[in-house]
N, C-alpha and C. Protein backbone atom coordinates (compact mmCIF):
# COMPACT_ATOMS: atom_id res chain seq x y z
N MET A 1 -17.19 -11.44 -20.15
CA MET A 1 -15.96 -11.07 -20.08
C MET A 1 -14.69 -11.16 -19.39
N GLU A 2 -13.98 -11.56 -19.14
CA GLU A 2 -12.65 -11.53 -17.98
C GLU A 2 -11.66 -9.88 -17.95
N PRO A 3 -11.39 -9.78 -16.76
CA PRO A 3 -10.86 -8.58 -16.52
C PRO A 3 -9.48 -8.34 -17.20
N VAL A 4 -9.51 -7.70 -18.41
CA VAL A 4 -8.39 -7.41 -18.81
C VAL A 4 -7.80 -5.94 -18.56
N VAL A 5 -5.88 -6.24 -17.91
CA VAL A 5 -5.05 -4.99 -17.81
C VAL A 5 -3.95 -5.12 -18.34
N LYS A 6 -2.82 -3.87 -18.31
CA LYS A 6 -1.67 -3.72 -18.90
C LYS A 6 -0.88 -3.94 -18.40
N VAL A 7 0.17 -4.78 -18.64
CA VAL A 7 1.39 -4.93 -17.81
C VAL A 7 1.88 -3.67 -17.16
N SER A 8 2.02 -2.66 -17.76
CA SER A 8 2.37 -1.18 -17.22
C SER A 8 1.27 -1.22 -15.92
N TYR A 9 0.02 -1.48 -15.63
CA TYR A 9 -0.72 -1.09 -14.49
C TYR A 9 -0.24 -2.19 -13.07
N VAL A 10 0.24 -3.75 -13.46
CA VAL A 10 0.65 -4.42 -12.55
C VAL A 10 1.47 -3.33 -11.99
N LEU A 11 2.56 -3.31 -13.01
CA LEU A 11 3.85 -2.53 -12.81
C LEU A 11 3.66 -1.31 -11.62
N ASP A 12 2.84 -0.44 -12.25
CA ASP A 12 2.56 0.89 -11.18
C ASP A 12 2.40 -0.01 -9.54
N LEU A 13 1.03 -0.61 -9.81
CA LEU A 13 0.78 -1.62 -8.15
C LEU A 13 2.15 -2.17 -7.70
N LEU A 14 2.83 -2.42 -8.25
CA LEU A 14 3.85 -2.81 -7.74
C LEU A 14 4.93 -1.92 -7.52
N ARG A 15 4.78 -0.71 -7.98
CA ARG A 15 6.04 0.15 -7.77
C ARG A 15 5.44 0.93 -6.30
N LYS A 16 4.09 1.01 -5.99
CA LYS A 16 2.92 1.55 -4.94
C LYS A 16 3.39 1.27 -3.64
N ASN A 17 3.68 0.11 -3.99
CA ASN A 17 3.84 -1.23 -2.45
C ASN A 17 5.35 -1.78 -2.64
N ALA A 18 5.93 -1.40 -2.87
CA ALA A 18 7.44 -1.45 -2.77
C ALA A 18 8.28 -1.26 -2.28
N ALA A 19 9.12 -1.63 -1.43
CA ALA A 19 10.14 -0.96 -0.51
C ALA A 19 10.84 -0.20 -0.99
N GLU A 20 11.68 -0.84 -2.20
CA GLU A 20 12.18 0.13 -3.14
C GLU A 20 12.14 0.16 -4.71
N PRO A 21 11.22 1.39 -4.69
CA PRO A 21 10.37 1.20 -6.26
C PRO A 21 11.04 1.69 -7.60
N ALA A 22 12.33 2.35 -7.50
CA ALA A 22 12.79 2.71 -7.97
C ALA A 22 13.78 1.29 -8.93
N LYS A 23 13.94 -0.08 -8.52
CA LYS A 23 14.22 -1.34 -9.02
C LYS A 23 13.25 -1.36 -9.35
N LEU A 24 12.22 -1.16 -9.45
CA LEU A 24 11.45 -1.81 -10.63
C LEU A 24 11.11 -0.53 -12.27
N ASN A 25 12.51 -0.22 -11.89
CA ASN A 25 12.59 0.30 -13.68
C ASN A 25 12.12 -0.76 -14.75
N PHE A 26 11.31 -0.74 -16.07
CA PHE A 26 11.13 -2.04 -16.87
C PHE A 26 13.00 -1.90 -17.84
N ASP A 27 13.41 -1.10 -17.78
CA ASP A 27 15.01 -1.69 -17.91
C ASP A 27 15.96 -2.33 -17.32
N ASN A 28 15.22 -2.85 -16.24
CA ASN A 28 16.16 -3.37 -15.60
C ASN A 28 15.27 -4.63 -14.73
N ILE A 29 14.21 -5.10 -15.46
CA ILE A 29 13.82 -6.34 -15.03
C ILE A 29 12.98 -6.74 -16.06
N ILE A 30 12.58 -7.71 -16.17
CA ILE A 30 11.88 -8.78 -17.07
C ILE A 30 10.60 -9.29 -16.63
N ILE A 31 9.80 -8.62 -17.32
CA ILE A 31 8.12 -8.65 -16.72
C ILE A 31 8.02 -10.37 -18.09
N ALA A 32 7.15 -11.45 -17.45
CA ALA A 32 6.91 -12.56 -18.30
C ALA A 32 4.94 -12.71 -17.88
N VAL A 33 4.38 -13.18 -19.39
CA VAL A 33 2.84 -13.15 -18.87
C VAL A 33 3.04 -14.74 -19.55
N ASN A 34 2.65 -15.71 -18.29
CA ASN A 34 2.54 -16.85 -18.83
C ASN A 34 3.88 -17.22 -19.00
N GLY A 35 4.60 -17.10 -18.29
CA GLY A 35 6.41 -17.53 -18.83
C GLY A 35 6.80 -16.86 -20.48
N VAL A 36 5.59 -15.98 -20.98
CA VAL A 36 6.33 -15.57 -22.17
C VAL A 36 6.93 -13.97 -21.69
N ASP A 37 7.73 -13.84 -22.39
CA ASP A 37 8.75 -12.07 -21.73
C ASP A 37 7.80 -11.55 -22.93
N CYS A 38 7.37 -10.41 -21.67
CA CYS A 38 6.20 -9.32 -22.50
C CYS A 38 6.68 -8.38 -23.51
N SER A 39 7.83 -8.27 -23.72
CA SER A 39 8.80 -7.60 -24.64
C SER A 39 7.91 -8.04 -26.08
N ILE A 40 8.09 -9.16 -25.91
CA ILE A 40 7.46 -9.89 -27.26
C ILE A 40 5.88 -10.02 -27.42
N LEU A 41 5.11 -9.69 -26.44
CA LEU A 41 3.80 -9.27 -26.49
C LEU A 41 3.62 -8.08 -26.28
N GLY A 42 4.31 -6.76 -26.59
CA GLY A 42 3.51 -6.11 -26.44
C GLY A 42 4.61 -4.83 -25.70
N GLY A 43 5.68 -5.63 -24.51
CA GLY A 43 6.05 -4.79 -24.18
C GLY A 43 4.82 -4.08 -22.52
N ILE A 44 5.29 -2.99 -22.14
CA ILE A 44 4.64 -2.59 -21.13
C ILE A 44 3.05 -2.42 -21.40
N ASP A 45 2.53 -2.69 -22.75
CA ASP A 45 1.12 -2.51 -23.07
C ASP A 45 0.68 -3.88 -23.42
N ALA A 46 1.50 -4.95 -22.94
CA ALA A 46 0.33 -6.27 -23.00
C ALA A 46 -0.16 -6.67 -21.72
N SER A 47 -1.19 -7.33 -22.28
CA SER A 47 -2.16 -7.61 -21.82
C SER A 47 -2.09 -8.95 -21.09
N ALA A 48 -2.52 -8.37 -19.62
CA ALA A 48 -3.25 -9.78 -18.23
C ALA A 48 -4.14 -9.94 -18.11
N LYS A 49 -4.33 -11.32 -18.65
CA LYS A 49 -6.11 -11.08 -17.88
C LYS A 49 -6.24 -11.89 -16.31
N GLU A 50 -7.47 -11.88 -15.71
CA GLU A 50 -7.46 -12.67 -15.09
C GLU A 50 -7.15 -13.90 -14.76
N GLY A 51 -6.06 -14.46 -13.49
CA GLY A 51 -5.94 -16.15 -13.67
C GLY A 51 -4.39 -16.26 -14.38
N ASP A 52 -4.17 -14.97 -15.10
CA ASP A 52 -2.53 -15.14 -15.89
C ASP A 52 -1.68 -15.14 -14.91
N GLU A 53 -0.71 -15.91 -14.49
CA GLU A 53 0.61 -15.89 -13.94
C GLU A 53 2.07 -14.06 -14.72
N VAL A 54 2.31 -13.20 -14.03
CA VAL A 54 2.78 -12.44 -14.13
C VAL A 54 4.12 -12.43 -13.39
N THR A 55 5.40 -12.91 -13.93
CA THR A 55 6.19 -12.68 -13.16
C THR A 55 7.32 -11.77 -13.68
N VAL A 56 7.46 -10.99 -12.27
CA VAL A 56 8.96 -10.05 -12.60
C VAL A 56 10.57 -10.50 -11.82
N VAL A 57 11.56 -10.39 -12.80
CA VAL A 57 12.62 -10.94 -12.48
C VAL A 57 13.65 -9.81 -12.58
N SER A 58 14.55 -9.62 -11.57
CA SER A 58 15.18 -8.67 -11.84
C SER A 58 16.42 -8.91 -12.15
N ILE A 59 16.91 -7.91 -13.48
CA ILE A 59 18.39 -8.45 -14.16
C ILE A 59 19.23 -7.18 -13.64
N VAL A 60 19.11 -6.58 -12.55
CA VAL A 60 19.87 -5.82 -12.09
C VAL A 60 21.50 -7.04 -10.78
N HIS A 61 22.50 -6.81 -10.91
CA HIS A 61 23.47 -7.40 -10.76
C HIS A 61 24.73 -6.15 -10.14
N GLY A 62 25.23 -7.78 -9.12
CA GLY A 62 26.39 -6.75 -8.81
C GLY A 62 27.40 -7.21 -9.66
N GLY A 63 28.73 -6.43 -9.80
CA GLY A 63 29.62 -7.22 -10.61
C GLY A 63 30.78 -6.03 -10.35
N GLY A 64 31.44 -5.42 -11.63
CA GLY A 64 32.35 -5.00 -12.49
C GLY A 64 33.79 -5.01 -11.79
N GLY A 65 33.81 -6.19 -10.68
CA GLY A 65 35.66 -6.95 -10.42
C GLY A 65 35.95 -7.41 -11.27
N SER A 66 37.25 -7.06 -11.18
CA SER A 66 37.51 -8.24 -12.24
C SER A 66 37.85 -9.98 -12.08
N VAL A 67 37.76 -10.64 -13.06
CA VAL A 67 37.75 -12.15 -12.81
C VAL A 67 38.92 -12.41 -13.32
N ARG A 68 39.29 -13.69 -12.37
CA ARG A 68 40.76 -14.18 -12.29
C ARG A 68 40.55 -15.77 -12.76
């Protein structure tokens, strides 16, 4: 049986090692497991097993200025 962990565990590991852990807020990132958004796989309870590719993408961006 392959080791399986939840996405929340992976996120906790990343936060512990991040220079700015607050930026790894689940509301400000997209997490994909093997290219599939984990929000449709169960959210932070989604599973990832050894060999899976877990991708974290920040959706925080600047802006707020007027566009001309």
